[in-house]
Amino acid sequence: MNILALDSSTEACSVALLTDQNVSEKFAIIGRGHAEHLLPMIENLLDENGATLEDIDLFAYGAGPGSFTGLRIGAAMMQGLALARECKLVAVSSLAALASRWRGQVLSVIDARMEQVYSGLYRVGDNLQTELLGEVAVSSPEEIHLPEEAKIIVAGSGWDRYKDQFCQMQTEKRKITGVAGQYPHAADVARLALHEFVQGKVTDPAEALPQYIRNKVAKKMIEI
């Protein structure tokens, strides 16, 4: 099984190739301009691994939440490749991909601007058992509900921007550990996509959509 994956949900941009042997990834923090970077990154990644699009069995993308423009570009690109190759496609939560890099209870937080973050609390076990606890949401950091008693790892651009607010959530029974400089990675999207595929959770390429969360803004952009 050869999986080509990407994530363009944040200012970071990454593509990855998962094969039976290993996972290769190209990752860069670019801010904007995902459309100009993704295809060259994919071409370089495939060339370096002696592969072509004809070798890909499954496509995957970080569905968000995150940057509206980045999400639309990523979803549309993988949709086009999957349709052209008549291959299966898997949409993976970018928050879940971020959380999967640790074990235990992980709060993934991506800066959503407007003093808000996209967040999802996950329980991550061995073998990529990534369980969402509650719902993915967009809110101010202070509005995030956390268990009263837990050891929680907080990771993502939301931690970098709102570290002080998250630190204030620590109590005698709730321990908060933050990890700075973290973004969703295509390599993790690929690993989760394989896990989803084995469980039969695939997306019809014709229905590949981003996960916006912020409905009012997304609706306005769709209407435009």
N, C-alpha and C. Protein backbone atom coordinates (compact mmCIF):
# COMPACT_ATOMS: atom_id res chain seq x y z
N MET A 1 0.85 -1.19 0.00
CA MET A 1 0.00 0.00 0.00
C MET A 1 0.88 1.25 0.00
N ASN A 2 0.79 2.06 -1.04
CA ASN A 2 1.51 3.32 -1.13
C ASN A 2 0.50 4.46 -0.95
N ILE A 3 0.75 5.31 0.03
CA ILE A 3 -0.17 6.40 0.35
C ILE A 3 0.52 7.74 0.15
N LEU A 4 -0.12 8.62 -0.61
CA LEU A 4 0.36 9.99 -0.77
C LEU A 4 -0.55 10.90 0.04
N ALA A 5 0.03 11.68 0.94
CA ALA A 5 -0.77 12.52 1.84
C ALA A 5 -0.24 13.94 1.86
N LEU A 6 -1.11 14.86 2.22
CA LEU A 6 -0.69 16.25 2.40
C LEU A 6 -1.47 16.88 3.54
N ASP A 7 -0.91 17.95 4.07
CA ASP A 7 -1.64 18.78 5.02
C ASP A 7 -1.30 20.24 4.73
N SER A 8 -2.35 21.04 4.54
CA SER A 8 -2.18 22.47 4.26
C SER A 8 -3.13 23.28 5.12
N SER A 9 -3.40 22.78 6.33
CA SER A 9 -4.39 23.40 7.21
C SER A 9 -3.87 24.61 7.97
N THR A 10 -2.55 24.80 8.01
CA THR A 10 -1.96 25.91 8.75
C THR A 10 -0.92 26.61 7.88
N GLU A 11 -0.12 27.47 8.49
CA GLU A 11 0.96 28.11 7.75
C GLU A 11 2.06 27.14 7.36
N ALA A 12 1.99 25.92 7.91
CA ALA A 12 2.90 24.86 7.50
C ALA A 12 2.31 24.11 6.31
N CYS A 13 3.17 23.58 5.48
CA CYS A 13 2.76 22.87 4.28
C CYS A 13 3.60 21.60 4.21
N SER A 14 2.96 20.44 4.08
CA SER A 14 3.73 19.20 4.06
C SER A 14 3.08 18.16 3.16
N VAL A 15 3.92 17.32 2.58
CA VAL A 15 3.47 16.18 1.79
C VAL A 15 4.26 14.97 2.25
N ALA A 16 3.67 13.78 2.15
CA ALA A 16 4.34 12.58 2.63
C ALA A 16 3.98 11.39 1.76
N LEU A 17 4.93 10.46 1.67
CA LEU A 17 4.72 9.21 0.95
C LEU A 17 4.96 8.07 1.92
N LEU A 18 3.92 7.29 2.17
CA LEU A 18 4.02 6.12 3.04
C LEU A 18 4.04 4.86 2.17
N THR A 19 5.05 4.03 2.37
CA THR A 19 5.16 2.76 1.67
C THR A 19 5.28 1.64 2.70
N ASP A 20 5.43 0.42 2.24
CA ASP A 20 5.59 -0.69 3.17
C ASP A 20 6.89 -0.57 3.96
N GLN A 21 7.86 0.18 3.42
CA GLN A 21 9.17 0.29 4.06
C GLN A 21 9.27 1.45 5.05
N ASN A 22 8.77 2.62 4.68
CA ASN A 22 8.93 3.78 5.55
C ASN A 22 7.99 4.91 5.15
N VAL A 23 8.17 6.04 5.82
CA VAL A 23 7.42 7.25 5.49
C VAL A 23 8.42 8.36 5.19
N SER A 24 8.30 8.99 4.02
CA SER A 24 9.15 10.12 3.65
C SER A 24 8.27 11.37 3.62
N GLU A 25 8.83 12.49 4.07
CA GLU A 25 8.03 13.71 4.16
C GLU A 25 8.84 14.93 3.76
N LYS A 26 8.14 15.88 3.17
CA LYS A 26 8.68 17.21 2.94
C LYS A 26 7.80 18.18 3.71
N PHE A 27 8.43 19.02 4.52
CA PHE A 27 7.70 19.92 5.42
C PHE A 27 8.33 21.30 5.37
N ALA A 28 7.49 22.33 5.29
CA ALA A 28 7.99 23.71 5.29
C ALA A 28 6.93 24.63 5.88
N ILE A 29 7.38 25.63 6.61
CA ILE A 29 6.48 26.68 7.10
C ILE A 29 6.55 27.82 6.10
N ILE A 30 5.46 28.04 5.38
CA ILE A 30 5.48 28.99 4.27
C ILE A 30 4.55 30.18 4.48
N GLY A 31 3.67 30.10 5.45
CA GLY A 31 2.71 31.19 5.66
C GLY A 31 1.57 31.11 4.67
N ARG A 32 1.80 31.60 3.47
CA ARG A 32 0.80 31.54 2.41
C ARG A 32 1.42 30.95 1.14
N GLY A 33 0.57 30.74 0.13
CA GLY A 33 1.08 30.24 -1.14
C GLY A 33 1.12 28.73 -1.24
N HIS A 34 0.19 28.04 -0.54
CA HIS A 34 0.18 26.58 -0.58
C HIS A 34 0.02 26.06 -2.01
N ALA A 35 -0.80 26.71 -2.80
CA ALA A 35 -1.05 26.24 -4.16
C ALA A 35 0.23 26.18 -4.98
N GLU A 36 1.12 27.14 -4.77
CA GLU A 36 2.36 27.19 -5.54
C GLU A 36 3.39 26.17 -5.04
N HIS A 37 3.27 25.74 -3.78
CA HIS A 37 4.28 24.86 -3.19
C HIS A 37 3.91 23.38 -3.26
N LEU A 38 2.64 23.05 -3.17
CA LEU A 38 2.25 21.65 -3.00
C LEU A 38 2.66 20.74 -4.17
N LEU A 39 2.34 21.14 -5.39
CA LEU A 39 2.67 20.28 -6.52
C LEU A 39 4.17 20.06 -6.68
N PRO A 40 5.00 21.12 -6.61
CA PRO A 40 6.45 20.88 -6.68
C PRO A 40 6.95 20.00 -5.54
N MET A 41 6.38 20.16 -4.35
CA MET A 41 6.78 19.31 -3.23
C MET A 41 6.42 17.85 -3.49
N ILE A 42 5.24 17.62 -4.05
CA ILE A 42 4.82 16.26 -4.37
C ILE A 42 5.74 15.65 -5.44
N GLU A 43 6.02 16.43 -6.47
CA GLU A 43 6.88 15.94 -7.55
C GLU A 43 8.28 15.60 -7.04
N ASN A 44 8.84 16.47 -6.21
CA ASN A 44 10.16 16.22 -5.66
C ASN A 44 10.16 15.00 -4.74
N LEU A 45 9.11 14.87 -3.94
CA LEU A 45 9.01 13.73 -3.02
C LEU A 45 8.96 12.41 -3.79
N LEU A 46 8.14 12.38 -4.83
CA LEU A 46 8.02 11.15 -5.62
C LEU A 46 9.33 10.84 -6.34
N ASP A 47 9.96 11.87 -6.91
CA ASP A 47 11.23 11.67 -7.62
C ASP A 47 12.29 11.10 -6.69
N GLU A 48 12.39 11.66 -5.50
CA GLU A 48 13.41 11.21 -4.55
C GLU A 48 13.20 9.77 -4.10
N ASN A 49 11.96 9.30 -4.20
CA ASN A 49 11.65 7.93 -3.78
C ASN A 49 11.48 6.99 -4.96
N GLY A 50 11.81 7.48 -6.16
CA GLY A 50 11.71 6.65 -7.34
C GLY A 50 10.30 6.19 -7.63
N ALA A 51 9.33 7.05 -7.36
CA ALA A 51 7.93 6.70 -7.55
C ALA A 51 7.23 7.71 -8.45
N THR A 52 6.06 7.33 -8.93
CA THR A 52 5.21 8.22 -9.72
C THR A 52 3.80 8.13 -9.17
N LEU A 53 2.92 8.97 -9.68
CA LEU A 53 1.53 8.92 -9.24
C LEU A 53 0.88 7.59 -9.58
N GLU A 54 1.39 6.91 -10.60
CA GLU A 54 0.85 5.60 -10.97
C GLU A 54 1.08 4.55 -9.88
N ASP A 55 2.03 4.82 -8.99
CA ASP A 55 2.35 3.88 -7.92
C ASP A 55 1.48 4.08 -6.67
N ILE A 56 0.69 5.15 -6.65
CA ILE A 56 -0.10 5.48 -5.46
C ILE A 56 -1.39 4.67 -5.42
N ASP A 57 -1.65 4.05 -4.27
CA ASP A 57 -2.86 3.25 -4.08
C ASP A 57 -3.95 4.00 -3.32
N LEU A 58 -3.53 5.00 -2.52
CA LEU A 58 -4.47 5.71 -1.66
C LEU A 58 -3.99 7.14 -1.47
N PHE A 59 -4.91 8.08 -1.57
CA PHE A 59 -4.60 9.49 -1.34
C PHE A 59 -5.24 9.93 -0.02
N ALA A 60 -4.59 10.86 0.67
CA ALA A 60 -5.12 11.34 1.95
C ALA A 60 -4.78 12.81 2.12
N TYR A 61 -5.64 13.51 2.86
CA TYR A 61 -5.38 14.93 3.10
C TYR A 61 -5.86 15.32 4.49
N GLY A 62 -5.18 16.30 5.07
CA GLY A 62 -5.62 16.88 6.33
C GLY A 62 -6.83 17.74 6.07
N ALA A 63 -7.98 17.32 6.57
CA ALA A 63 -9.24 17.99 6.25
C ALA A 63 -9.50 19.22 7.09
N GLY A 64 -8.62 19.49 8.06
CA GLY A 64 -8.82 20.65 8.91
C GLY A 64 -9.30 20.23 10.29
N PRO A 65 -9.77 21.19 11.04
CA PRO A 65 -9.98 22.60 10.71
C PRO A 65 -8.66 23.37 10.60
N GLY A 66 -8.79 24.58 10.04
CA GLY A 66 -7.61 25.41 9.87
C GLY A 66 -7.87 26.53 8.89
N SER A 67 -6.83 26.91 8.16
CA SER A 67 -6.92 27.99 7.18
C SER A 67 -7.91 27.64 6.08
N PHE A 68 -8.90 28.50 5.85
CA PHE A 68 -9.91 28.22 4.84
C PHE A 68 -9.29 28.02 3.46
N THR A 69 -8.40 28.93 3.06
CA THR A 69 -7.79 28.83 1.74
C THR A 69 -6.93 27.58 1.64
N GLY A 70 -6.10 27.35 2.64
CA GLY A 70 -5.24 26.18 2.62
C GLY A 70 -6.03 24.88 2.56
N LEU A 71 -7.11 24.80 3.32
CA LEU A 71 -7.93 23.59 3.33
C LEU A 71 -8.57 23.34 1.97
N ARG A 72 -9.09 24.39 1.35
CA ARG A 72 -9.73 24.22 0.05
C ARG A 72 -8.72 23.75 -0.99
N ILE A 73 -7.53 24.33 -0.94
CA ILE A 73 -6.49 23.95 -1.91
C ILE A 73 -6.09 22.49 -1.73
N GLY A 74 -5.87 22.08 -0.48
CA GLY A 74 -5.45 20.72 -0.21
C GLY A 74 -6.50 19.70 -0.60
N ALA A 75 -7.76 19.96 -0.22
CA ALA A 75 -8.84 19.03 -0.54
C ALA A 75 -9.03 18.92 -2.06
N ALA A 76 -9.01 20.05 -2.74
CA ALA A 76 -9.22 20.05 -4.19
C ALA A 76 -8.09 19.32 -4.91
N MET A 77 -6.86 19.51 -4.44
CA MET A 77 -5.72 18.87 -5.09
C MET A 77 -5.79 17.35 -4.96
N MET A 78 -6.06 16.86 -3.75
CA MET A 78 -6.13 15.41 -3.56
C MET A 78 -7.38 14.83 -4.23
N GLN A 79 -8.44 15.59 -4.26
CA GLN A 79 -9.64 15.16 -4.96
C GLN A 79 -9.33 14.93 -6.44
N GLY A 80 -8.64 15.90 -7.05
CA GLY A 80 -8.29 15.79 -8.46
C GLY A 80 -7.39 14.61 -8.75
N LEU A 81 -6.38 14.39 -7.90
CA LEU A 81 -5.46 13.28 -8.10
C LEU A 81 -6.16 11.94 -7.93
N ALA A 82 -7.02 11.84 -6.91
CA ALA A 82 -7.73 10.59 -6.66
C ALA A 82 -8.70 10.27 -7.80
N LEU A 83 -9.39 11.28 -8.31
CA LEU A 83 -10.32 11.05 -9.41
C LEU A 83 -9.57 10.65 -10.68
N ALA A 84 -8.46 11.31 -10.94
CA ALA A 84 -7.68 10.99 -12.14
C ALA A 84 -7.13 9.57 -12.09
N ARG A 85 -6.74 9.12 -10.90
CA ARG A 85 -6.18 7.78 -10.75
C ARG A 85 -7.24 6.74 -10.43
N GLU A 86 -8.49 7.19 -10.22
CA GLU A 86 -9.58 6.30 -9.81
C GLU A 86 -9.18 5.52 -8.57
N CYS A 87 -8.64 6.26 -7.60
CA CYS A 87 -8.19 5.67 -6.34
C CYS A 87 -9.08 6.10 -5.18
N LYS A 88 -8.93 5.39 -4.08
CA LYS A 88 -9.62 5.74 -2.86
C LYS A 88 -8.99 6.98 -2.23
N LEU A 89 -9.77 7.63 -1.37
CA LEU A 89 -9.32 8.85 -0.71
C LEU A 89 -9.75 8.81 0.76
N VAL A 90 -8.89 9.30 1.64
CA VAL A 90 -9.23 9.36 3.06
C VAL A 90 -9.03 10.79 3.57
N ALA A 91 -10.05 11.33 4.21
CA ALA A 91 -9.97 12.64 4.85
C ALA A 91 -9.63 12.44 6.31
N VAL A 92 -8.57 13.07 6.78
CA VAL A 92 -8.09 12.90 8.15
C VAL A 92 -8.17 14.24 8.88
N SER A 93 -8.65 14.24 10.10
CA SER A 93 -8.68 15.46 10.89
C SER A 93 -7.25 15.95 11.13
N SER A 94 -6.99 17.21 10.81
CA SER A 94 -5.66 17.77 11.06
C SER A 94 -5.35 17.83 12.56
N LEU A 95 -6.39 18.02 13.36
CA LEU A 95 -6.21 18.02 14.82
C LEU A 95 -5.82 16.63 15.32
N ALA A 96 -6.44 15.60 14.75
CA ALA A 96 -6.11 14.23 15.13
C ALA A 96 -4.69 13.88 14.71
N ALA A 97 -4.30 14.33 13.52
CA ALA A 97 -2.94 14.09 13.05
C ALA A 97 -1.93 14.73 13.99
N LEU A 98 -2.22 15.94 14.42
CA LEU A 98 -1.35 16.64 15.36
C LEU A 98 -1.26 15.89 16.68
N ALA A 99 -2.39 15.45 17.19
CA ALA A 99 -2.42 14.76 18.49
C ALA A 99 -1.70 13.42 18.45
N SER A 100 -1.69 12.77 17.29
CA SER A 100 -1.16 11.41 17.19
C SER A 100 0.34 11.33 17.43
N ARG A 101 1.00 12.45 17.55
CA ARG A 101 2.45 12.45 17.77
C ARG A 101 2.83 12.16 19.22
N TRP A 102 1.82 12.14 20.10
CA TRP A 102 2.07 11.87 21.53
C TRP A 102 1.18 10.73 22.00
N ARG A 103 1.32 10.39 23.26
CA ARG A 103 0.48 9.37 23.87
C ARG A 103 -0.15 9.94 25.13
N GLY A 104 -1.36 9.49 25.43
CA GLY A 104 -2.09 10.02 26.57
C GLY A 104 -3.19 10.94 26.10
N GLN A 105 -3.58 11.89 26.95
CA GLN A 105 -4.60 12.87 26.58
C GLN A 105 -3.91 14.09 25.97
N VAL A 106 -4.28 14.38 24.74
CA VAL A 106 -3.64 15.46 23.99
C VAL A 106 -4.69 16.45 23.53
N LEU A 107 -4.49 17.72 23.85
CA LEU A 107 -5.36 18.79 23.37
C LEU A 107 -4.67 19.46 22.19
N SER A 108 -5.20 19.23 21.00
CA SER A 108 -4.67 19.88 19.80
C SER A 108 -5.34 21.24 19.64
N VAL A 109 -4.54 22.27 19.46
CA VAL A 109 -5.10 23.62 19.33
C VAL A 109 -4.41 24.35 18.18
N ILE A 110 -5.20 24.75 17.20
CA ILE A 110 -4.69 25.50 16.05
C ILE A 110 -5.25 26.91 16.11
N ASP A 111 -4.38 27.89 15.98
CA ASP A 111 -4.80 29.29 16.04
C ASP A 111 -5.85 29.56 14.95
N ALA A 112 -7.01 30.07 15.36
CA ALA A 112 -8.10 30.36 14.43
C ALA A 112 -8.28 31.86 14.20
N ARG A 113 -7.32 32.65 14.71
CA ARG A 113 -7.43 34.12 14.63
C ARG A 113 -8.63 34.59 15.46
N MET A 114 -8.89 35.87 15.45
CA MET A 114 -10.03 36.46 16.16
C MET A 114 -10.10 36.02 17.62
N GLU A 115 -8.90 35.84 18.23
CA GLU A 115 -8.79 35.43 19.64
C GLU A 115 -9.41 34.07 19.92
N GLN A 116 -9.44 33.20 18.91
CA GLN A 116 -10.00 31.86 19.07
C GLN A 116 -9.03 30.79 18.60
N VAL A 117 -9.33 29.54 18.98
CA VAL A 117 -8.56 28.39 18.52
C VAL A 117 -9.51 27.29 18.07
N TYR A 118 -9.06 26.49 17.11
CA TYR A 118 -9.73 25.23 16.80
C TYR A 118 -9.15 24.21 17.77
N SER A 119 -9.99 23.42 18.40
CA SER A 119 -9.48 22.50 19.41
C SER A 119 -10.17 21.15 19.35
N GLY A 120 -9.43 20.14 19.79
CA GLY A 120 -9.96 18.80 19.93
C GLY A 120 -9.14 18.07 20.97
N LEU A 121 -9.82 17.44 21.92
CA LEU A 121 -9.14 16.68 22.97
C LEU A 121 -9.17 15.21 22.57
N TYR A 122 -7.99 14.58 22.55
CA TYR A 122 -7.87 13.20 22.10
C TYR A 122 -7.22 12.33 23.16
N ARG A 123 -7.63 11.07 23.16
CA ARG A 123 -6.92 10.06 23.92
C ARG A 123 -6.15 9.22 22.91
N VAL A 124 -4.84 9.27 23.00
CA VAL A 124 -4.00 8.60 22.02
C VAL A 124 -3.30 7.42 22.67
N GLY A 125 -3.53 6.24 22.14
CA GLY A 125 -2.90 5.05 22.66
C GLY A 125 -1.90 4.47 21.68
N ASP A 126 -1.46 3.26 21.92
CA ASP A 126 -0.53 2.60 21.02
C ASP A 126 -1.24 2.23 19.73
N ASN A 127 -0.46 1.99 18.68
CA ASN A 127 -1.01 1.58 17.38
C ASN A 127 -1.98 2.61 16.80
N LEU A 128 -1.71 3.90 17.09
CA LEU A 128 -2.50 5.00 16.51
C LEU A 128 -3.98 4.94 16.88
N GLN A 129 -4.28 4.46 18.05
CA GLN A 129 -5.66 4.50 18.55
C GLN A 129 -5.93 5.92 19.03
N THR A 130 -6.49 6.75 18.15
CA THR A 130 -6.71 8.17 18.43
C THR A 130 -8.20 8.42 18.58
N GLU A 131 -8.65 8.60 19.81
CA GLU A 131 -10.07 8.75 20.12
C GLU A 131 -10.39 10.20 20.48
N LEU A 132 -11.34 10.80 19.77
CA LEU A 132 -11.78 12.16 20.08
C LEU A 132 -12.67 12.13 21.31
N LEU A 133 -12.32 12.93 22.30
CA LEU A 133 -13.11 13.03 23.53
C LEU A 133 -13.96 14.30 23.44
N GLY A 134 -15.23 14.16 23.21
CA GLY A 134 -16.07 15.34 23.02
C GLY A 134 -16.17 15.70 21.55
N GLU A 135 -16.07 16.99 21.24
CA GLU A 135 -16.23 17.46 19.87
C GLU A 135 -15.11 18.41 19.49
N VAL A 136 -14.85 18.49 18.19
CA VAL A 136 -13.97 19.52 17.66
C VAL A 136 -14.74 20.83 17.66
N ALA A 137 -14.10 21.90 18.10
CA ALA A 137 -14.82 23.17 18.25
C ALA A 137 -13.91 24.35 17.96
N VAL A 138 -14.50 25.51 17.80
CA VAL A 138 -13.76 26.77 17.71
C VAL A 138 -14.27 27.67 18.83
N SER A 139 -13.36 28.21 19.62
CA SER A 139 -13.74 29.04 20.76
C SER A 139 -12.51 29.77 21.27
N SER A 140 -12.71 30.62 22.25
CA SER A 140 -11.57 31.22 22.93
C SER A 140 -10.94 30.13 23.80
N PRO A 141 -9.65 30.24 24.11
CA PRO A 141 -9.01 29.21 24.95
C PRO A 141 -9.73 29.00 26.27
N GLU A 142 -10.23 30.08 26.86
CA GLU A 142 -10.89 29.99 28.16
C GLU A 142 -12.19 29.19 28.12
N GLU A 143 -12.77 29.05 26.95
CA GLU A 143 -14.05 28.35 26.83
C GLU A 143 -13.90 26.84 26.61
N ILE A 144 -12.66 26.37 26.47
CA ILE A 144 -12.43 24.94 26.25
C ILE A 144 -12.67 24.19 27.56
N HIS A 145 -13.48 23.14 27.49
CA HIS A 145 -13.77 22.34 28.68
C HIS A 145 -12.77 21.19 28.76
N LEU A 146 -12.09 21.08 29.89
CA LEU A 146 -11.12 20.03 30.11
C LEU A 146 -11.51 19.19 31.32
N PRO A 147 -11.09 17.93 31.37
CA PRO A 147 -11.39 17.09 32.53
C PRO A 147 -10.83 17.71 33.80
N GLU A 148 -11.52 17.49 34.90
CA GLU A 148 -11.07 18.06 36.18
C GLU A 148 -9.78 17.42 36.65
N GLU A 149 -9.61 16.14 36.33
CA GLU A 149 -8.43 15.42 36.79
C GLU A 149 -7.78 14.70 35.61
N ALA A 150 -6.62 15.18 35.17
CA ALA A 150 -5.96 14.58 34.01
C ALA A 150 -4.58 15.18 33.82
N LYS A 151 -3.77 14.46 33.06
CA LYS A 151 -2.49 14.99 32.59
C LYS A 151 -2.67 15.24 31.10
N ILE A 152 -2.58 16.51 30.72
CA ILE A 152 -2.93 16.89 29.35
C ILE A 152 -1.74 17.54 28.66
N ILE A 153 -1.43 17.05 27.47
CA ILE A 153 -0.42 17.66 26.61
C ILE A 153 -1.14 18.61 25.67
N VAL A 154 -0.70 19.86 25.61
CA VAL A 154 -1.30 20.85 24.70
C VAL A 154 -0.29 21.16 23.60
N ALA A 155 -0.71 21.01 22.35
CA ALA A 155 0.21 21.21 21.23
C ALA A 155 -0.49 21.91 20.07
N GLY A 156 0.28 22.67 19.32
CA GLY A 156 -0.25 23.37 18.16
C GLY A 156 0.01 24.86 18.25
N SER A 157 -0.30 25.56 17.16
CA SER A 157 -0.06 27.00 17.12
C SER A 157 -0.89 27.75 18.14
N GLY A 158 -2.00 27.14 18.60
CA GLY A 158 -2.80 27.77 19.65
C GLY A 158 -2.04 27.87 20.96
N TRP A 159 -1.22 26.86 21.25
CA TRP A 159 -0.39 26.93 22.45
C TRP A 159 0.64 28.05 22.32
N ASP A 160 1.25 28.17 21.17
CA ASP A 160 2.27 29.20 20.97
C ASP A 160 1.71 30.60 21.21
N ARG A 161 0.48 30.82 20.79
CA ARG A 161 -0.10 32.16 20.91
C ARG A 161 -0.78 32.40 22.26
N TYR A 162 -1.36 31.34 22.84
CA TYR A 162 -2.15 31.53 24.07
C TYR A 162 -1.61 30.71 25.23
N LYS A 163 -0.32 30.60 25.30
CA LYS A 163 0.32 29.79 26.34
C LYS A 163 -0.13 30.19 27.74
N ASP A 164 -0.18 31.49 28.00
CA ASP A 164 -0.54 31.96 29.35
C ASP A 164 -1.94 31.51 29.74
N GLN A 165 -2.89 31.60 28.80
CA GLN A 165 -4.26 31.19 29.10
C GLN A 165 -4.33 29.69 29.41
N PHE A 166 -3.61 28.89 28.66
CA PHE A 166 -3.63 27.45 28.91
C PHE A 166 -2.94 27.10 30.22
N CYS A 167 -1.89 27.80 30.55
CA CYS A 167 -1.20 27.55 31.82
C CYS A 167 -2.11 27.84 33.01
N GLN A 168 -3.01 28.82 32.84
CA GLN A 168 -3.93 29.16 33.92
C GLN A 168 -4.97 28.07 34.15
N MET A 169 -5.10 27.13 33.22
CA MET A 169 -6.05 26.03 33.38
C MET A 169 -5.51 24.92 34.27
N GLN A 170 -4.24 25.01 34.61
CA GLN A 170 -3.65 23.98 35.46
C GLN A 170 -4.15 24.11 36.89
N THR A 171 -4.47 22.97 37.48
CA THR A 171 -4.91 22.93 38.88
C THR A 171 -4.09 21.85 39.58
N GLU A 172 -4.43 21.64 40.82
CA GLU A 172 -3.73 20.61 41.58
C GLU A 172 -3.92 19.23 40.96
N LYS A 173 -5.11 19.00 40.38
CA LYS A 173 -5.40 17.69 39.80
C LYS A 173 -5.28 17.66 38.28
N ARG A 174 -5.21 18.82 37.65
CA ARG A 174 -5.10 18.88 36.19
C ARG A 174 -3.72 19.43 35.83
N LYS A 175 -2.89 18.59 35.26
CA LYS A 175 -1.53 18.98 34.89
C LYS A 175 -1.47 19.31 33.40
N ILE A 176 -0.95 20.47 33.08
CA ILE A 176 -0.84 20.92 31.70
C ILE A 176 0.62 20.95 31.28
N THR A 177 0.93 20.28 30.17
CA THR A 177 2.26 20.32 29.60
C THR A 177 2.15 20.80 28.16
N GLY A 178 2.78 21.91 27.83
CA GLY A 178 2.70 22.46 26.48
C GLY A 178 3.91 22.09 25.64
N VAL A 179 3.67 21.94 24.33
CA VAL A 179 4.75 21.65 23.39
C VAL A 179 4.72 22.73 22.32
N ALA A 180 5.79 23.51 22.23
CA ALA A 180 5.83 24.66 21.33
C ALA A 180 6.25 24.25 19.91
N GLY A 181 5.85 25.09 18.95
CA GLY A 181 6.32 24.94 17.58
C GLY A 181 5.80 23.71 16.86
N GLN A 182 4.57 23.29 17.15
CA GLN A 182 4.04 22.06 16.57
C GLN A 182 2.94 22.36 15.54
N TYR A 183 2.98 21.61 14.45
CA TYR A 183 1.98 21.74 13.39
C TYR A 183 1.55 20.34 12.93
N PRO A 184 0.38 20.22 12.30
CA PRO A 184 0.02 18.94 11.69
C PRO A 184 1.04 18.58 10.61
N HIS A 185 1.35 17.29 10.50
CA HIS A 185 2.31 16.80 9.51
C HIS A 185 1.63 15.80 8.58
N ALA A 186 1.99 15.87 7.31
CA ALA A 186 1.44 14.93 6.32
C ALA A 186 1.81 13.49 6.65
N ALA A 187 2.99 13.28 7.25
CA ALA A 187 3.39 11.92 7.61
C ALA A 187 2.39 11.30 8.58
N ASP A 188 1.91 12.10 9.53
CA ASP A 188 0.92 11.61 10.49
C ASP A 188 -0.44 11.43 9.83
N VAL A 189 -0.76 12.30 8.87
CA VAL A 189 -2.00 12.14 8.10
C VAL A 189 -1.96 10.80 7.36
N ALA A 190 -0.81 10.46 6.78
CA ALA A 190 -0.67 9.20 6.05
C ALA A 190 -0.85 8.00 6.97
N ARG A 191 -0.23 8.05 8.14
CA ARG A 191 -0.34 6.94 9.08
C ARG A 191 -1.79 6.74 9.54
N LEU A 192 -2.46 7.83 9.86
CA LEU A 192 -3.86 7.73 10.28
C LEU A 192 -4.75 7.29 9.12
N ALA A 193 -4.41 7.72 7.91
CA ALA A 193 -5.19 7.33 6.74
C ALA A 193 -5.14 5.81 6.53
N LEU A 194 -3.96 5.22 6.73
CA LEU A 194 -3.84 3.77 6.61
C LEU A 194 -4.71 3.07 7.65
N HIS A 195 -4.67 3.61 8.86
CA HIS A 195 -5.49 3.06 9.94
C HIS A 195 -6.98 3.17 9.60
N GLU A 196 -7.39 4.31 9.06
CA GLU A 196 -8.79 4.51 8.68
C GLU A 196 -9.19 3.58 7.53
N PHE A 197 -8.27 3.43 6.57
CA PHE A 197 -8.56 2.60 5.41
C PHE A 197 -8.77 1.15 5.82
N VAL A 198 -7.95 0.65 6.72
CA VAL A 198 -8.08 -0.73 7.20
C VAL A 198 -9.44 -0.93 7.85
N GLN A 199 -9.97 0.12 8.48
CA GLN A 199 -11.28 0.03 9.13
C GLN A 199 -12.43 0.30 8.16
N GLY A 200 -12.09 0.53 6.89
CA GLY A 200 -13.12 0.75 5.90
C GLY A 200 -13.65 2.17 5.85
N LYS A 201 -12.94 3.11 6.46
CA LYS A 201 -13.40 4.50 6.50
C LYS A 201 -12.73 5.29 5.38
N VAL A 202 -13.39 5.33 4.23
CA VAL A 202 -12.86 6.05 3.08
C VAL A 202 -13.86 7.12 2.65
N THR A 203 -13.36 8.08 1.88
CA THR A 203 -14.18 9.18 1.39
C THR A 203 -14.31 9.08 -0.12
N ASP A 204 -15.54 9.24 -0.63
CA ASP A 204 -15.73 9.31 -2.07
C ASP A 204 -15.00 10.56 -2.57
N PRO A 205 -14.04 10.41 -3.51
CA PRO A 205 -13.29 11.58 -3.98
C PRO A 205 -14.19 12.72 -4.45
N ALA A 206 -15.33 12.38 -5.01
CA ALA A 206 -16.25 13.42 -5.49
C ALA A 206 -16.84 14.24 -4.35
N GLU A 207 -16.75 13.71 -3.13
CA GLU A 207 -17.32 14.39 -1.98
C GLU A 207 -16.24 14.88 -1.01
N ALA A 208 -15.02 15.00 -1.48
CA ALA A 208 -13.92 15.46 -0.62
C ALA A 208 -14.13 16.92 -0.24
N LEU A 209 -14.27 17.18 1.06
CA LEU A 209 -14.54 18.53 1.55
C LEU A 209 -13.64 18.84 2.74
N PRO A 210 -13.32 20.12 2.94
CA PRO A 210 -12.60 20.52 4.15
C PRO A 210 -13.54 20.51 5.36
N GLN A 211 -12.95 20.50 6.54
CA GLN A 211 -13.72 20.60 7.78
C GLN A 211 -13.50 22.02 8.32
N TYR A 212 -14.45 22.89 8.03
CA TYR A 212 -14.27 24.30 8.36
C TYR A 212 -14.51 24.61 9.85
N ILE A 213 -15.56 24.08 10.44
CA ILE A 213 -15.97 24.32 11.82
C ILE A 213 -16.59 25.70 12.00
N ARG A 214 -15.90 26.74 11.56
CA ARG A 214 -16.47 28.09 11.72
C ARG A 214 -17.49 28.29 10.61
N ASN A 215 -18.72 27.87 10.88
CA ASN A 215 -19.74 27.75 9.84
C ASN A 215 -20.11 29.06 9.16
N LYS A 216 -20.23 30.13 9.92
CA LYS A 216 -20.69 31.39 9.32
C LYS A 216 -19.70 31.90 8.29
N VAL A 217 -18.42 31.83 8.62
CA VAL A 217 -17.40 32.30 7.69
C VAL A 217 -17.34 31.38 6.48
N ALA A 218 -17.41 30.05 6.73
CA ALA A 218 -17.35 29.09 5.64
C ALA A 218 -18.54 29.28 4.70
N LYS A 219 -19.73 29.48 5.25
CA LYS A 219 -20.92 29.67 4.44
C LYS A 219 -20.78 30.90 3.56
N LYS A 220 -20.24 31.97 4.11
CA LYS A 220 -20.06 33.21 3.35
C LYS A 220 -19.09 32.98 2.20
N MET A 221 -18.00 32.23 2.44
CA MET A 221 -17.03 31.98 1.41
C MET A 221 -17.62 31.11 0.31
N ILE A 222 -18.45 30.15 0.66
CA ILE A 222 -19.08 29.29 -0.33
C ILE A 222 -20.03 30.10 -1.19
N GLU A 223 -20.78 31.02 -0.58
CA GLU A 223 -21.73 31.84 -1.32
C GLU A 223 -21.02 32.76 -2.29
N ILE A 224 -19.82 33.24 -1.90
CA ILE A 224 -19.07 34.11 -2.79
C ILE A 224 -18.61 33.33 -4.02
